[in-house]
N, C-alpha and C. Protein backbone atom coordinates (compact mmCIF):
# COMPACT_ATOMS: atom_id res chain seq x y z
N MET A 1 42.61 37.27 -82.18
CA MET A 1 42.21 36.16 -81.34
C MET A 1 40.92 36.53 -80.64
N LYS A 2 39.97 35.62 -80.65
CA LYS A 2 38.70 35.83 -79.97
C LYS A 2 38.93 35.83 -78.46
N LYS A 3 37.89 36.13 -77.72
CA LYS A 3 37.98 36.18 -76.27
C LYS A 3 38.63 34.91 -75.72
N ALA A 4 39.63 35.09 -74.88
CA ALA A 4 40.38 33.96 -74.34
C ALA A 4 39.94 33.64 -72.92
N LYS A 5 40.02 32.37 -72.60
CA LYS A 5 39.79 31.90 -71.24
C LYS A 5 41.15 31.64 -70.64
N THR A 6 41.40 32.13 -69.44
CA THR A 6 42.68 31.92 -68.79
C THR A 6 42.58 30.67 -67.93
N ILE A 7 43.47 29.73 -68.20
CA ILE A 7 43.56 28.50 -67.41
C ILE A 7 44.82 28.60 -66.58
N LYS A 8 44.68 28.39 -65.28
CA LYS A 8 45.83 28.39 -64.39
C LYS A 8 46.09 26.96 -63.93
N ILE A 9 47.33 26.52 -64.13
CA ILE A 9 47.72 25.17 -63.76
C ILE A 9 48.92 25.27 -62.82
N PHE A 10 48.90 24.48 -61.77
CA PHE A 10 49.96 24.48 -60.77
C PHE A 10 50.63 23.10 -60.77
N PRO A 11 51.60 22.88 -61.68
CA PRO A 11 52.20 21.55 -61.81
C PRO A 11 53.16 21.17 -60.68
N ALA A 12 53.65 22.15 -59.94
CA ALA A 12 54.59 21.90 -58.84
C ALA A 12 54.51 23.06 -57.86
N PRO A 13 54.99 22.86 -56.64
CA PRO A 13 54.98 23.97 -55.68
C PRO A 13 55.72 25.19 -56.25
N HIS A 14 55.14 26.35 -56.07
CA HIS A 14 55.72 27.63 -56.50
C HIS A 14 55.81 27.78 -58.01
N VAL A 15 55.06 26.97 -58.74
CA VAL A 15 55.05 27.06 -60.21
C VAL A 15 53.61 27.23 -60.67
N GLU A 16 53.38 28.27 -61.45
CA GLU A 16 52.06 28.52 -62.02
C GLU A 16 52.21 28.68 -63.52
N VAL A 17 51.40 27.96 -64.28
CA VAL A 17 51.38 28.08 -65.74
C VAL A 17 50.03 28.67 -66.11
N ARG A 18 50.05 29.76 -66.85
CA ARG A 18 48.81 30.38 -67.32
C ARG A 18 48.71 30.20 -68.82
N LEU A 19 47.59 29.65 -69.23
CA LEU A 19 47.33 29.48 -70.65
C LEU A 19 46.13 30.34 -71.02
N HIS A 20 46.28 31.14 -72.04
CA HIS A 20 45.18 31.95 -72.55
C HIS A 20 44.62 31.18 -73.74
N VAL A 21 43.48 30.54 -73.52
CA VAL A 21 42.90 29.62 -74.50
C VAL A 21 41.75 30.31 -75.23
N SER A 22 41.91 30.48 -76.54
CA SER A 22 40.85 31.08 -77.35
C SER A 22 39.74 30.05 -77.57
N LYS A 23 38.62 30.51 -78.10
CA LYS A 23 37.50 29.62 -78.40
C LYS A 23 37.94 28.56 -79.40
N GLU A 24 38.72 28.95 -80.40
CA GLU A 24 39.23 28.01 -81.41
C GLU A 24 40.11 26.94 -80.76
N MET A 25 40.97 27.37 -79.83
CA MET A 25 41.85 26.42 -79.14
C MET A 25 41.04 25.42 -78.32
N ALA A 26 40.02 25.90 -77.62
CA ALA A 26 39.18 25.02 -76.82
C ALA A 26 38.49 23.99 -77.71
N GLU A 27 37.99 24.43 -78.86
CA GLU A 27 37.32 23.52 -79.78
C GLU A 27 38.30 22.48 -80.34
N ASP A 28 39.51 22.92 -80.70
CA ASP A 28 40.52 22.00 -81.22
C ASP A 28 40.92 20.97 -80.16
N TYR A 29 41.07 21.42 -78.92
CA TYR A 29 41.47 20.52 -77.84
C TYR A 29 40.39 19.46 -77.61
N LYS A 30 39.14 19.88 -77.59
CA LYS A 30 38.02 18.95 -77.38
C LYS A 30 37.92 17.96 -78.54
N ALA A 31 38.07 18.45 -79.77
CA ALA A 31 38.00 17.57 -80.94
C ALA A 31 39.13 16.54 -80.91
N CYS A 32 40.31 16.96 -80.55
CA CYS A 32 41.46 16.05 -80.48
C CYS A 32 41.22 15.01 -79.39
N TYR A 33 40.74 15.44 -78.25
CA TYR A 33 40.49 14.52 -77.14
C TYR A 33 39.40 13.51 -77.51
N ASP A 34 38.35 13.96 -78.15
CA ASP A 34 37.24 13.09 -78.51
C ASP A 34 37.64 12.02 -79.53
N THR A 35 38.58 12.33 -80.41
CA THR A 35 38.99 11.38 -81.44
C THR A 35 40.28 10.65 -81.08
N GLY A 36 40.81 10.91 -79.90
CA GLY A 36 42.05 10.26 -79.49
C GLY A 36 43.26 10.75 -80.26
N GLY A 37 43.19 11.97 -80.78
CA GLY A 37 44.29 12.55 -81.53
C GLY A 37 44.33 12.14 -82.99
N LEU A 38 43.33 11.41 -83.43
CA LEU A 38 43.32 10.93 -84.82
C LEU A 38 42.46 11.77 -85.75
N GLY A 39 41.79 12.77 -85.21
CA GLY A 39 40.85 13.55 -86.00
C GLY A 39 41.45 14.63 -86.86
N GLN A 40 42.65 15.09 -86.54
CA GLN A 40 43.25 16.16 -87.32
C GLN A 40 44.76 16.04 -87.29
N ILE A 41 45.39 16.76 -88.16
CA ILE A 41 46.85 16.78 -88.22
C ILE A 41 47.35 17.84 -87.24
N CYS A 42 48.33 17.49 -86.44
CA CYS A 42 48.82 18.41 -85.39
C CYS A 42 49.28 19.75 -85.95
N THR A 43 49.90 19.75 -87.12
CA THR A 43 50.41 21.02 -87.68
C THR A 43 49.28 21.97 -88.04
N GLU A 44 48.06 21.47 -88.17
CA GLU A 44 46.91 22.31 -88.49
C GLU A 44 46.15 22.75 -87.24
N CYS A 45 46.57 22.29 -86.08
CA CYS A 45 45.89 22.59 -84.82
C CYS A 45 46.36 23.94 -84.25
N SER A 46 45.45 24.63 -83.59
CA SER A 46 45.79 25.93 -82.99
C SER A 46 46.73 25.78 -81.79
N TRP A 47 46.93 24.57 -81.28
CA TRP A 47 47.84 24.32 -80.15
C TRP A 47 49.25 24.01 -80.63
N PHE A 48 49.47 23.88 -81.92
CA PHE A 48 50.75 23.39 -82.45
C PHE A 48 51.97 24.19 -81.97
N ASN A 49 51.87 25.50 -81.93
CA ASN A 49 53.02 26.32 -81.53
C ASN A 49 53.02 26.71 -80.06
N VAL A 50 52.14 26.13 -79.27
CA VAL A 50 52.10 26.41 -77.83
C VAL A 50 53.00 25.38 -77.16
N LYS A 51 54.23 25.79 -76.83
CA LYS A 51 55.23 24.84 -76.32
C LYS A 51 55.92 25.36 -75.07
N ILE A 52 56.33 24.42 -74.25
CA ILE A 52 57.16 24.71 -73.08
C ILE A 52 58.38 23.82 -73.20
N GLY A 53 59.53 24.44 -73.32
CA GLY A 53 60.77 23.67 -73.44
C GLY A 53 60.80 22.74 -74.64
N GLY A 54 60.15 23.12 -75.72
CA GLY A 54 60.14 22.33 -76.94
C GLY A 54 59.04 21.28 -77.00
N ALA A 55 58.32 21.06 -75.89
CA ALA A 55 57.23 20.08 -75.86
C ALA A 55 55.89 20.79 -76.02
N ALA A 56 55.04 20.24 -76.85
CA ALA A 56 53.71 20.81 -77.04
C ALA A 56 52.93 20.70 -75.73
N VAL A 57 52.29 21.78 -75.33
CA VAL A 57 51.57 21.83 -74.06
C VAL A 57 50.49 20.76 -74.00
N CYS A 58 49.83 20.51 -75.12
CA CYS A 58 48.74 19.52 -75.13
C CYS A 58 49.25 18.10 -74.93
N CYS A 59 50.56 17.89 -75.05
CA CYS A 59 51.14 16.55 -74.89
C CYS A 59 51.82 16.34 -73.54
N ILE A 60 51.89 17.38 -72.72
CA ILE A 60 52.54 17.25 -71.42
C ILE A 60 51.56 16.63 -70.44
N LYS A 61 51.88 15.42 -70.01
CA LYS A 61 50.96 14.63 -69.18
C LYS A 61 50.48 15.39 -67.95
N GLY A 62 51.34 16.10 -67.27
CA GLY A 62 50.97 16.81 -66.05
C GLY A 62 50.02 17.98 -66.28
N LEU A 63 49.90 18.44 -67.50
CA LEU A 63 49.02 19.57 -67.82
C LEU A 63 47.70 19.14 -68.45
N ARG A 64 47.68 17.97 -69.07
CA ARG A 64 46.49 17.53 -69.80
C ARG A 64 45.24 17.41 -68.92
N LYS A 65 45.37 16.73 -67.78
CA LYS A 65 44.20 16.50 -66.93
C LYS A 65 43.59 17.80 -66.44
N GLU A 66 44.43 18.71 -65.99
CA GLU A 66 43.93 19.99 -65.48
C GLU A 66 43.36 20.85 -66.61
N THR A 67 43.97 20.79 -67.77
CA THR A 67 43.45 21.52 -68.92
C THR A 67 42.05 21.01 -69.27
N ARG A 68 41.88 19.69 -69.32
CA ARG A 68 40.56 19.12 -69.59
C ARG A 68 39.54 19.55 -68.52
N ARG A 69 39.95 19.54 -67.27
CA ARG A 69 39.04 19.91 -66.18
C ARG A 69 38.59 21.35 -66.34
N GLN A 70 39.53 22.26 -66.61
CA GLN A 70 39.19 23.66 -66.70
C GLN A 70 38.46 24.02 -67.99
N LEU A 71 38.57 23.17 -69.00
CA LEU A 71 37.79 23.37 -70.22
C LEU A 71 36.45 22.65 -70.12
N GLU A 72 36.16 22.15 -68.91
CA GLU A 72 34.89 21.49 -68.59
C GLU A 72 34.64 20.27 -69.46
N MET A 73 35.69 19.46 -69.62
CA MET A 73 35.59 18.23 -70.39
C MET A 73 35.46 17.02 -69.47
N GLU A 74 35.61 17.21 -68.18
CA GLU A 74 35.50 16.12 -67.20
C GLU A 74 34.50 16.46 -66.16
């Protein structure tokens, strides 16, 4: 894995989620966001196996906005 950027997200009091996002993951996230999720197949995405409680991290509403902010997409 190439150099990772650590994203810290605080979805609730006393809860911290740390994501180590590689350059490839950042590019995949931006491409997916730019195309509205229609640009690639999810199983081919580098985020596919990043899950919390069975839900893909990129699909968790409470994490998406902060992830975009920290990846400098907003």
